[in-house]
Amino acid sequence: MKLIDPRTAHIIKNPVAFALQVLKAFQANQGLLLAGAVAYYALLSIVPLLILMVIVLSHVIDQGVLLATIGKALEYAVPGESRAVLEELKALLEHSKLIGWVLFITMLFFSSLGFRVLESSITVIFLHRLQKKKRPLLVSLLLPFAYNFFIGAALFAGTFIMFYLLALGDENLVLLGHSWSLGGVSRMLIGGAGIVAEILLISAIYYFMPVGGLTAKHALIGGTTAGLLWELIRHILSWYFASMSQVSVVYGSLTTAIVVMLSFEIGATLLLLGAQVIAEYENIVPDAE
């Protein structure tokens, strides 16, 4: 019985060669071009998607609490400009009563564009799967909307978790006559829950979007790697935009759009690069022993 699978053993023996193969395949698949397309359509999708989420979920959750959760989620997606995006969302929500069925369906369409382009990009990277098995057209059409629903469900659950953890922060732990505030613990738990949610979302993309689906193990490994790399880059971007960036001087009123676009571009590149790693892993022919 082998403790390490042959493909993993091959990577351990040839890590540099595998990394170069991934980068070569990513370049051959026009990975940066695909990431740019995903980032562009994600920029078009984010506001309609968030508006729809708030309109639907505000029937069961207080809108203020919901917006606080969205604000926290935006910190993970658009470092440096989460407040600006949230303020724009609040301004648009003031006119939510004017939204009719035609506009609602239009926003639903635009909110799914980002996922539709992401699915197409993932398909390019996992082309070897498409040659063996094709996805039914109806499934391809409905998958982006299913992701909208998935994010809405995650936001719904996340709101209750955040509300509970914030309430925990108001409590004190009394032990041996000493009292300690749980505010710090609450903030740590909120941050940890955000990272876990981020990893699960990326893992779900890896698990469901490729034709035929991946194993849960591969999807989770890919999601964890991409999620932790994004966390590192997100903190670097937050620091850079807060202390050194001159983007506002150069772009003026376009600053928010440029920063969000840059964040999405980097995030999409990491996401697709992670998918390329999994695709190359699947294509490894283990050395004969």
C-alpha atoms as a PDB file:
ATOM      1  CA  MET A   1       0.000   0.000   0.000  1.00  0.00           C
ATOM      2  CA  LYS A   2       1.460   3.340  -1.092  1.00  0.00           C
ATOM      3  CA  LEU A   3       1.220   6.267   1.303  1.00  0.00           C
ATOM      4  CA  ILE A   4       1.715   8.840  -1.490  1.00  0.00           C
ATOM      5  CA  ASP A   5      -0.177   8.715  -4.738  1.00  0.00           C
ATOM      6  CA  PRO A   6       2.036   8.303  -7.856  1.00  0.00           C
ATOM      7  CA  ARG A   7       1.162  11.744  -9.230  1.00  0.00           C
ATOM      8  CA  THR A   8       2.049  13.452  -5.951  1.00  0.00           C
ATOM      9  CA  ALA A   9       5.296  11.477  -5.823  1.00  0.00           C
ATOM     10  CA  HIS A  10       6.085  12.666  -9.355  1.00  0.00           C
ATOM     11  CA  ILE A  11       5.603  16.311  -8.286  1.00  0.00           C
ATOM     12  CA  ILE A  12       7.771  15.842  -5.194  1.00  0.00           C
ATOM     13  CA  LYS A  13      10.546  14.435  -7.398  1.00  0.00           C
ATOM     14  CA  ASN A  14      10.212  17.170 -10.036  1.00  0.00           C
ATOM     15  CA  PRO A  15       8.712  20.286  -8.354  1.00  0.00           C
ATOM     16  CA  VAL A  16      10.470  22.834 -10.583  1.00  0.00           C
ATOM     17  CA  ALA A  17       9.596  20.958 -13.773  1.00  0.00           C
ATOM     18  CA  PHE A  18       5.951  20.731 -12.663  1.00  0.00           C
ATOM     19  CA  ALA A  19       5.811  24.453 -11.814  1.00  0.00           C
ATOM     20  CA  LEU A  20       7.288  25.351 -15.215  1.00  0.00           C
ATOM     21  CA  GLN A  21       4.799  23.038 -16.934  1.00  0.00           C
ATOM     22  CA  VAL A  22       1.921  24.768 -15.118  1.00  0.00           C
ATOM     23  CA  LEU A  23       3.157  28.228 -16.151  1.00  0.00           C
ATOM     24  CA  LYS A  24       3.739  27.068 -19.733  1.00  0.00           C
ATOM     25  CA  ALA A  25       0.226  25.604 -19.965  1.00  0.00           C
ATOM     26  CA  PHE A  26      -1.251  28.721 -18.314  1.00  0.00           C
ATOM     27  CA  GLN A  27       0.450  30.893 -20.925  1.00  0.00           C
ATOM     28  CA  ALA A  28      -0.641  28.580 -23.753  1.00  0.00           C
ATOM     29  CA  ASN A  29      -4.237  28.872 -22.515  1.00  0.00           C
ATOM     30  CA  GLN A  30      -3.925  32.689 -22.494  1.00  0.00           C
ATOM     31  CA  GLY A  31      -4.448  32.630 -18.724  1.00  0.00           C
ATOM     32  CA  LEU A  32      -3.848  36.344 -18.157  1.00  0.00           C
ATOM     33  CA  LEU A  33      -6.254  37.212 -20.970  1.00  0.00           C
ATOM     34  CA  LEU A  34      -8.890  34.920 -19.455  1.00  0.00           C
ATOM     35  CA  ALA A  35      -8.294  36.461 -16.016  1.00  0.00           C
ATOM     36  CA  GLY A  36      -8.784  39.922 -17.514  1.00  0.00           C
ATOM     37  CA  ALA A  37     -12.108  38.860 -19.027  1.00  0.00           C
ATOM     38  CA  VAL A  38     -13.241  37.329 -15.720  1.00  0.00           C
ATOM     39  CA  ALA A  39     -12.217  40.502 -13.839  1.00  0.00           C
ATOM     40  CA  TYR A  40     -14.061  42.765 -16.302  1.00  0.00           C
ATOM     41  CA  TYR A  41     -17.306  40.830 -16.125  1.00  0.00           C
ATOM     42  CA  ALA A  42     -16.991  40.436 -12.356  1.00  0.00           C
ATOM     43  CA  LEU A  43     -16.813  44.235 -12.168  1.00  0.00           C
ATOM     44  CA  LEU A  44     -20.043  44.424 -14.186  1.00  0.00           C
ATOM     45  CA  SER A  45     -21.683  41.761 -12.023  1.00  0.00           C
ATOM     46  CA  ILE A  46     -20.807  42.735  -8.461  1.00  0.00           C
ATOM     47  CA  VAL A  47     -23.220  45.644  -7.904  1.00  0.00           C
ATOM     48  CA  PRO A  48     -26.309  43.987  -9.512  1.00  0.00           C
ATOM     49  CA  LEU A  49     -25.505  40.795  -7.611  1.00  0.00           C
ATOM     50  CA  LEU A  50     -25.253  42.585  -4.258  1.00  0.00           C
ATOM     51  CA  ILE A  51     -28.413  44.615  -4.906  1.00  0.00           C
ATOM     52  CA  LEU A  52     -30.359  41.433  -5.671  1.00  0.00           C
ATOM     53  CA  MET A  53     -28.999  39.747  -2.548  1.00  0.00           C
ATOM     54  CA  VAL A  54     -30.023  42.654  -0.324  1.00  0.00           C
ATOM     55  CA  ILE A  55     -33.480  43.006  -1.906  1.00  0.00           C
ATOM     56  CA  VAL A  56     -34.238  39.291  -1.512  1.00  0.00           C
ATOM     57  CA  LEU A  57     -32.655  38.700   1.903  1.00  0.00           C
ATOM     58  CA  SER A  58     -33.916  41.935   3.488  1.00  0.00           C
ATOM     59  CA  HIS A  59     -37.343  40.273   3.641  1.00  0.00           C
ATOM     60  CA  VAL A  60     -36.001  38.003   6.392  1.00  0.00           C
ATOM     61  CA  ILE A  61     -32.944  39.908   7.710  1.00  0.00           C
ATOM     62  CA  ASP A  62     -32.618  43.513   8.852  1.00  0.00           C
ATOM     63  CA  GLN A  63     -31.048  45.506   6.010  1.00  0.00           C
ATOM     64  CA  GLY A  64     -28.536  47.233   8.304  1.00  0.00           C
ATOM     65  CA  VAL A  65     -27.216  43.904   9.607  1.00  0.00           C
ATOM     66  CA  LEU A  66     -27.125  42.541   6.057  1.00  0.00           C
ATOM     67  CA  LEU A  67     -25.127  45.527   4.786  1.00  0.00           C
ATOM     68  CA  ALA A  68     -22.661  45.123   7.667  1.00  0.00           C
ATOM     69  CA  THR A  69     -22.075  41.516   6.587  1.00  0.00           C
ATOM     70  CA  ILE A  70     -21.658  42.564   2.951  1.00  0.00           C
ATOM     71  CA  GLY A  71     -19.197  45.255   4.038  1.00  0.00           C
ATOM     72  CA  LYS A  72     -17.122  42.618   5.816  1.00  0.00           C
ATOM     73  CA  ALA A  73     -17.284  40.311   2.778  1.00  0.00           C
ATOM     74  CA  LEU A  74     -16.180  43.147   0.481  1.00  0.00           C
ATOM     75  CA  GLU A  75     -13.027  43.574   2.571  1.00  0.00           C
ATOM     76  CA  TYR A  76     -11.997  40.115   1.349  1.00  0.00           C
ATOM     77  CA  ALA A  77     -12.899  40.801  -2.292  1.00  0.00           C
ATOM     78  CA  VAL A  78     -11.854  44.429  -2.874  1.00  0.00           C
ATOM     79  CA  PRO A  79      -9.117  45.466  -0.412  1.00  0.00           C
ATOM     80  CA  GLY A  80      -8.782  49.212  -0.088  1.00  0.00           C
ATOM     81  CA  GLU A  81     -12.101  50.158  -1.678  1.00  0.00           C
ATOM     82  CA  SER A  82     -14.694  48.063   0.182  1.00  0.00           C
ATOM     83  CA  ARG A  83     -16.200  51.160   1.837  1.00  0.00           C
ATOM     84  CA  ALA A  84     -16.578  52.977  -1.485  1.00  0.00           C
ATOM     85  CA  VAL A  85     -18.356  49.984  -3.053  1.00  0.00           C
ATOM     86  CA  LEU A  86     -20.611  49.668   0.004  1.00  0.00           C
ATOM     87  CA  GLU A  87     -21.530  53.372  -0.127  1.00  0.00           C
ATOM     88  CA  GLU A  88     -22.380  53.011  -3.817  1.00  0.00           C
ATOM     89  CA  LEU A  89     -24.553  50.017  -2.970  1.00  0.00           C
ATOM     90  CA  LYS A  90     -26.366  51.955  -0.231  1.00  0.00           C
ATOM     91  CA  ALA A  91     -27.034  54.836  -2.630  1.00  0.00           C
ATOM     92  CA  LEU A  92     -28.528  52.482  -5.211  1.00  0.00           C
ATOM     93  CA  LEU A  93     -30.653  50.732  -2.585  1.00  0.00           C
ATOM     94  CA  GLU A  94     -32.369  54.033  -1.788  1.00  0.00           C
ATOM     95  CA  HIS A  95     -34.084  53.672  -5.172  1.00  0.00           C
ATOM     96  CA  SER A  96     -34.827  49.955  -4.823  1.00  0.00           C
ATOM     97  CA  LYS A  97     -38.584  50.616  -4.761  1.00  0.00           C
ATOM     98  CA  LEU A  98     -38.336  51.751  -8.390  1.00  0.00           C
ATOM     99  CA  ILE A  99     -37.044  48.355  -9.485  1.00  0.00           C
ATOM    100  CA  GLY A 100     -39.672  46.570 -11.583  1.00  0.00           C
ATOM    101  CA  TRP A 101     -39.700  43.073 -13.009  1.00  0.00           C
ATOM    102  CA  VAL A 102     -37.920  44.086 -16.225  1.00  0.00           C
ATOM    103  CA  LEU A 103     -35.078  45.762 -14.326  1.00  0.00           C
ATOM    104  CA  PHE A 104     -34.984  42.864 -11.845  1.00  0.00           C
ATOM    105  CA  ILE A 105     -34.526  40.321 -14.660  1.00  0.00           C
ATOM    106  CA  THR A 106     -31.915  42.583 -16.292  1.00  0.00           C
ATOM    107  CA  MET A 107     -29.941  42.746 -13.038  1.00  0.00           C
ATOM    108  CA  LEU A 108     -30.270  38.978 -12.626  1.00  0.00           C
ATOM    109  CA  PHE A 109     -28.765  38.549 -16.093  1.00  0.00           C
ATOM    110  CA  PHE A 110     -25.860  40.927 -15.410  1.00  0.00           C
ATOM    111  CA  SER A 111     -25.230  39.420 -11.977  1.00  0.00           C
ATOM    112  CA  SER A 112     -24.632  36.038 -13.631  1.00  0.00           C
ATOM    113  CA  LEU A 113     -22.218  37.313 -16.299  1.00  0.00           C
ATOM    114  CA  GLY A 114     -19.146  37.029 -14.077  1.00  0.00           C
ATOM    115  CA  PHE A 115     -19.843  33.367 -13.308  1.00  0.00           C
ATOM    116  CA  ARG A 116     -20.696  32.638 -16.942  1.00  0.00           C
ATOM    117  CA  VAL A 117     -17.324  33.972 -18.139  1.00  0.00           C
ATOM    118  CA  LEU A 118     -15.550  32.218 -15.263  1.00  0.00           C
ATOM    119  CA  GLU A 119     -17.135  28.919 -16.309  1.00  0.00           C
ATOM    120  CA  SER A 120     -15.951  29.462 -19.899  1.00  0.00           C
ATOM    121  CA  SER A 121     -12.424  30.209 -18.665  1.00  0.00           C
ATOM    122  CA  ILE A 122     -12.380  27.116 -16.449  1.00  0.00           C
ATOM    123  CA  THR A 123     -13.568  25.080 -19.448  1.00  0.00           C
ATOM    124  CA  VAL A 124     -10.568  26.279 -21.492  1.00  0.00           C
ATOM    125  CA  ILE A 125      -8.171  25.177 -18.747  1.00  0.00           C
ATOM    126  CA  PHE A 126      -9.869  21.785 -18.326  1.00  0.00           C
ATOM    127  CA  LEU A 127     -10.211  21.226 -22.080  1.00  0.00           C
ATOM    128  CA  HIS A 128      -8.978  17.638 -21.721  1.00  0.00           C
ATOM    129  CA  ARG A 129     -12.138  16.888 -19.714  1.00  0.00           C
ATOM    130  CA  LEU A 130     -14.370  18.469 -22.358  1.00  0.00           C
ATOM    131  CA  GLN A 131     -12.906  16.158 -24.988  1.00  0.00           C
ATOM    132  CA  LYS A 132     -13.995  13.153 -22.923  1.00  0.00           C
ATOM    133  CA  LYS A 133     -17.343  14.387 -21.643  1.00  0.00           C
ATOM    134  CA  LYS A 134     -19.519  17.382 -22.506  1.00  0.00           C
ATOM    135  CA  ARG A 135     -21.829  19.226 -20.129  1.00  0.00           C
ATOM    136  CA  PRO A 136     -25.521  19.466 -21.104  1.00  0.00           C
ATOM    137  CA  LEU A 137     -26.457  22.901 -22.469  1.00  0.00           C
ATOM    138  CA  LEU A 138     -29.199  23.418 -19.879  1.00  0.00           C
ATOM    139  CA  VAL A 139     -26.748  22.789 -17.031  1.00  0.00           C
ATOM    140  CA  SER A 140     -24.298  25.321 -18.499  1.00  0.00           C
ATOM    141  CA  LEU A 141     -27.078  27.905 -18.749  1.00  0.00           C
ATOM    142  CA  LEU A 142     -28.308  27.364 -15.195  1.00  0.00           C
ATOM    143  CA  LEU A 143     -24.931  27.002 -13.448  1.00  0.00           C
ATOM    144  CA  PRO A 144     -24.207  30.772 -13.134  1.00  0.00           C
ATOM    145  CA  PHE A 145     -27.639  31.337 -11.579  1.00  0.00           C
ATOM    146  CA  ALA A 146     -27.004  28.416  -9.228  1.00  0.00           C
ATOM    147  CA  TYR A 147     -23.866  30.213  -8.078  1.00  0.00           C
ATOM    148  CA  ASN A 148     -25.923  33.353  -7.451  1.00  0.00           C
ATOM    149  CA  PHE A 149     -28.184  31.264  -5.234  1.00  0.00           C
ATOM    150  CA  PHE A 150     -25.170  29.670  -3.534  1.00  0.00           C
ATOM    151  CA  ILE A 151     -23.667  33.065  -2.688  1.00  0.00           C
ATOM    152  CA  GLY A 152     -27.044  34.255  -1.422  1.00  0.00           C
ATOM    153  CA  ALA A 153     -27.284  31.212   0.859  1.00  0.00           C
ATOM    154  CA  ALA A 154     -23.706  31.796   2.059  1.00  0.00           C
ATOM    155  CA  LEU A 155     -24.505  35.452   2.764  1.00  0.00           C
ATOM    156  CA  PHE A 156     -27.660  34.423   4.635  1.00  0.00           C
ATOM    157  CA  ALA A 157     -25.723  31.974   6.834  1.00  0.00           C
ATOM    158  CA  GLY A 158     -22.806  34.391   7.216  1.00  0.00           C
ATOM    159  CA  THR A 159     -25.096  37.131   8.510  1.00  0.00           C
ATOM    160  CA  PHE A 160     -26.304  34.962  11.386  1.00  0.00           C
ATOM    161  CA  ILE A 161     -22.770  33.784  12.187  1.00  0.00           C
ATOM    162  CA  MET A 162     -21.463  37.354  12.205  1.00  0.00           C
ATOM    163  CA  PHE A 163     -24.390  38.558  14.331  1.00  0.00           C
ATOM    164  CA  TYR A 164     -23.684  35.800  16.872  1.00  0.00           C
ATOM    165  CA  LEU A 165     -19.939  36.518  16.963  1.00  0.00           C
ATOM    166  CA  LEU A 166     -20.518  40.264  17.356  1.00  0.00           C
ATOM    167  CA  ALA A 167     -22.865  39.539  20.261  1.00  0.00           C
ATOM    168  CA  LEU A 168     -20.159  37.321  21.752  1.00  0.00           C
ATOM    169  CA  GLY A 169     -17.781  40.295  21.661  1.00  0.00           C
ATOM    170  CA  ASP A 170     -20.030  42.200  24.073  1.00  0.00           C
ATOM    171  CA  GLU A 171     -19.683  39.470  26.688  1.00  0.00           C
ATOM    172  CA  ASN A 172     -17.014  39.091  29.385  1.00  0.00           C
ATOM    173  CA  LEU A 173     -15.287  35.952  30.587  1.00  0.00           C
ATOM    174  CA  VAL A 174     -15.098  35.834  34.390  1.00  0.00           C
ATOM    175  CA  LEU A 175     -12.518  33.434  35.800  1.00  0.00           C
ATOM    176  CA  LEU A 176     -11.077  33.341  39.324  1.00  0.00           C
ATOM    177  CA  GLY A 177     -12.393  36.784  40.068  1.00  0.00           C
ATOM    178  CA  HIS A 178     -10.915  38.354  36.922  1.00  0.00           C
ATOM    179  CA  SER A 179     -12.949  39.601  33.976  1.00  0.00           C
ATOM    180  CA  TRP A 180     -11.751  39.562  30.354  1.00  0.00           C
ATOM    181  CA  SER A 181     -13.544  41.080  27.390  1.00  0.00           C
ATOM    182  CA  LEU A 182     -14.280  38.665  24.548  1.00  0.00           C
ATOM    183  CA  GLY A 183     -14.063  41.449  21.957  1.00  0.00           C
ATOM    184  CA  GLY A 184     -10.639  40.308  20.729  1.00  0.00           C
ATOM    185  CA  VAL A 185     -11.765  36.695  20.503  1.00  0.00           C
ATOM    186  CA  SER A 186     -14.853  37.798  18.589  1.00  0.00           C
ATOM    187  CA  ARG A 187     -12.773  39.716  16.025  1.00  0.00           C
ATOM    188  CA  MET A 188     -10.437  36.743  15.561  1.00  0.00           C
ATOM    189  CA  LEU A 189     -13.371  34.378  15.052  1.00  0.00           C
ATOM    190  CA  ILE A 190     -14.988  36.731  12.514  1.00  0.00           C
ATOM    191  CA  GLY A 191     -11.709  36.923  10.585  1.00  0.00           C
ATOM    192  CA  GLY A 192     -11.264  33.148  10.720  1.00  0.00           C
ATOM    193  CA  ALA A 193     -14.847  32.538   9.596  1.00  0.00           C
ATOM    194  CA  GLY A 194     -14.284  34.892   6.656  1.00  0.00           C
ATOM    195  CA  ILE A 195     -11.188  32.990   5.529  1.00  0.00           C
ATOM    196  CA  VAL A 196     -12.977  29.634   5.850  1.00  0.00           C
ATOM    197  CA  ALA A 197     -15.919  30.961   3.806  1.00  0.00           C
ATOM    198  CA  GLU A 198     -13.508  32.270   1.165  1.00  0.00           C
ATOM    199  CA  ILE A 199     -11.746  28.891   0.901  1.00  0.00           C
ATOM    200  CA  LEU A 200     -15.060  27.005   0.679  1.00  0.00           C
ATOM    201  CA  LEU A 201     -16.315  29.333  -2.077  1.00  0.00           C
ATOM    202  CA  ILE A 202     -13.159  28.836  -4.167  1.00  0.00           C
ATOM    203  CA  SER A 203     -13.262  25.079  -3.511  1.00  0.00           C
ATOM    204  CA  ALA A 204     -16.887  24.991  -4.678  1.00  0.00           C
ATOM    205  CA  ILE A 205     -15.858  26.697  -7.935  1.00  0.00           C
ATOM    206  CA  TYR A 206     -13.147  24.089  -8.491  1.00  0.00           C
ATOM    207  CA  TYR A 207     -15.512  21.260  -7.556  1.00  0.00           C
ATOM    208  CA  PHE A 208     -18.546  22.156  -9.683  1.00  0.00           C
ATOM    209  CA  MET A 209     -17.351  24.220 -12.664  1.00  0.00           C
ATOM    210  CA  PRO A 210     -15.035  21.787 -14.493  1.00  0.00           C
ATOM    211  CA  VAL A 211     -16.892  19.300 -16.689  1.00  0.00           C
ATOM    212  CA  GLY A 212     -17.373  16.095 -14.713  1.00  0.00           C
ATOM    213  CA  GLY A 213     -16.369  17.750 -11.435  1.00  0.00           C
ATOM    214  CA  LEU A 214     -13.216  17.211  -9.380  1.00  0.00           C
ATOM    215  CA  THR A 215     -12.780  15.080  -6.311  1.00  0.00           C
ATOM    216  CA  ALA A 216     -13.594  16.948  -3.111  1.00  0.00           C
ATOM    217  CA  LYS A 217      -9.997  16.432  -1.958  1.00  0.00           C
ATOM    218  CA  HIS A 218      -8.456  18.081  -5.032  1.00  0.00           C
ATOM    219  CA  ALA A 219     -10.976  20.932  -4.962  1.00  0.00           C
ATOM    220  CA  LEU A 220     -10.344  21.590  -1.272  1.00  0.00           C
ATOM    221  CA  ILE A 221      -6.557  21.516  -1.682  1.00  0.00           C
ATOM    222  CA  GLY A 222      -6.811  23.926  -4.616  1.00  0.00           C
ATOM    223  CA  GLY A 223      -9.261  26.167  -2.758  1.00  0.00           C
ATOM    224  CA  THR A 224      -7.109  26.267   0.373  1.00  0.00           C
ATOM    225  CA  THR A 225      -3.961  27.111  -1.599  1.00  0.00           C
ATOM    226  CA  ALA A 226      -5.634  29.830  -3.682  1.00  0.00           C
ATOM    227  CA  GLY A 227      -7.463  31.212  -0.634  1.00  0.00           C
ATOM    228  CA  LEU A 228      -4.334  31.514   1.511  1.00  0.00           C
ATOM    229  CA  LEU A 229      -2.356  33.075  -1.361  1.00  0.00           C
ATOM    230  CA  TRP A 230      -5.153  35.600  -1.865  1.00  0.00           C
ATOM    231  CA  GLU A 231      -5.124  36.406   1.860  1.00  0.00           C
ATOM    232  CA  LEU A 232      -1.408  37.214   1.631  1.00  0.00           C
ATOM    233  CA  ILE A 233      -1.860  39.367  -1.471  1.00  0.00           C
ATOM    234  CA  ARG A 234      -4.996  41.002  -0.032  1.00  0.00           C
ATOM    235  CA  HIS A 235      -3.097  42.235   3.016  1.00  0.00           C
ATOM    236  CA  ILE A 236      -0.269  43.527   0.821  1.00  0.00           C
ATOM    237  CA  LEU A 237      -2.774  45.365  -1.398  1.00  0.00           C
ATOM    238  CA  SER A 238      -4.594  46.825   1.627  1.00  0.00           C
ATOM    239  CA  TRP A 239      -1.308  48.127   3.018  1.00  0.00           C
ATOM    240  CA  TYR A 240      -0.204  49.472  -0.369  1.00  0.00           C
ATOM    241  CA  PHE A 241      -3.457  51.286  -1.146  1.00  0.00           C
ATOM    242  CA  ALA A 242      -3.588  52.736   2.379  1.00  0.00           C
ATOM    243  CA  SER A 243       0.004  53.995   2.622  1.00  0.00           C
ATOM    244  CA  MET A 244       1.813  54.228  -0.718  1.00  0.00           C
ATOM    245  CA  SER A 245      -0.603  54.176  -3.630  1.00  0.00           C
ATOM    246  CA  GLN A 246      -0.983  57.239  -5.865  1.00  0.00           C
ATOM    247  CA  VAL A 247      -3.868  55.739  -7.828  1.00  0.00           C
ATOM    248  CA  SER A 248      -6.270  58.513  -6.790  1.00  0.00           C
ATOM    249  CA  VAL A 249      -3.853  61.163  -8.099  1.00  0.00           C
ATOM    250  CA  VAL A 250      -3.635  59.498 -11.511  1.00  0.00           C
ATOM    251  CA  TYR A 251      -7.215  58.271 -11.982  1.00  0.00           C
ATOM    252  CA  GLY A 252      -9.269  60.688  -9.876  1.00  0.00           C
ATOM    253  CA  SER A 253     -12.951  59.744  -9.866  1.00  0.00           C
ATOM    254  CA  LEU A 254     -12.140  56.423 -11.564  1.00  0.00           C
ATOM    255  CA  THR A 255     -10.040  55.272  -8.599  1.00  0.00           C
ATOM    256  CA  THR A 256     -12.630  52.901  -7.131  1.00  0.00           C
ATOM    257  CA  ALA A 257     -13.282  51.168 -10.470  1.00  0.00           C
ATOM    258  CA  ILE A 258      -9.538  50.833 -11.178  1.00  0.00           C
ATOM    259  CA  VAL A 259      -8.731  49.412  -7.723  1.00  0.00           C
ATOM    260  CA  VAL A 260     -11.656  46.966  -7.847  1.00  0.00           C
ATOM    261  CA  MET A 261     -10.646  45.912 -11.359  1.00  0.00           C
ATOM    262  CA  LEU A 262      -7.028  45.373 -10.264  1.00  0.00           C
ATOM    263  CA  SER A 263      -8.143  43.319  -7.246  1.00  0.00           C
ATOM    264  CA  PHE A 264     -10.424  41.195  -9.425  1.00  0.00           C
ATOM    265  CA  GLU A 265      -7.643  40.747 -12.009  1.00  0.00           C
ATOM    266  CA  ILE A 266      -5.209  39.443  -9.386  1.00  0.00           C
ATOM    267  CA  GLY A 267      -7.881  37.271  -7.754  1.00  0.00           C
ATOM    268  CA  ALA A 268      -8.980  35.812 -11.103  1.00  0.00           C
ATOM    269  CA  THR A 269      -5.357  35.086 -12.050  1.00  0.00           C
ATOM    270  CA  LEU A 270      -4.843  33.174  -8.798  1.00  0.00           C
ATOM    271  CA  LEU A 271      -8.125  31.317  -9.259  1.00  0.00           C
ATOM    272  CA  LEU A 272      -7.322  30.243 -12.827  1.00  0.00           C
ATOM    273  CA  LEU A 273      -3.709  29.446 -11.972  1.00  0.00           C
ATOM    274  CA  GLY A 274      -4.981  27.149  -9.214  1.00  0.00           C
ATOM    275  CA  ALA A 275      -7.271  25.479 -11.748  1.00  0.00           C
ATOM    276  CA  GLN A 276      -4.290  25.057 -14.086  1.00  0.00           C
ATOM    277  CA  VAL A 277      -2.324  23.350 -11.307  1.00  0.00           C
ATOM    278  CA  ILE A 278      -5.173  20.864 -10.819  1.00  0.00           C
ATOM    279  CA  ALA A 279      -5.488  20.314 -14.588  1.00  0.00           C
ATOM    280  CA  GLU A 280      -1.759  19.608 -14.957  1.00  0.00           C
ATOM    281  CA  TYR A 281      -1.912  17.310 -11.938  1.00  0.00           C
ATOM    282  CA  GLU A 282      -4.651  15.306 -13.662  1.00  0.00           C
ATOM    283  CA  ASN A 283      -2.559  15.075 -16.841  1.00  0.00           C
ATOM    284  CA  ILE A 284       0.513  13.634 -15.117  1.00  0.00           C
ATOM    285  CA  VAL A 285       1.492  10.198 -16.371  1.00  0.00           C
ATOM    286  CA  PRO A 286       3.225   8.582 -13.355  1.00  0.00           C
ATOM    287  CA  ASP A 287       6.674   7.118 -13.894  1.00  0.00           C
ATOM    288  CA  ALA A 288       6.560   3.386 -14.417  1.00  0.00           C
ATOM    289  CA  GLU A 289       8.235   1.510 -11.604  1.00  0.00           C
END
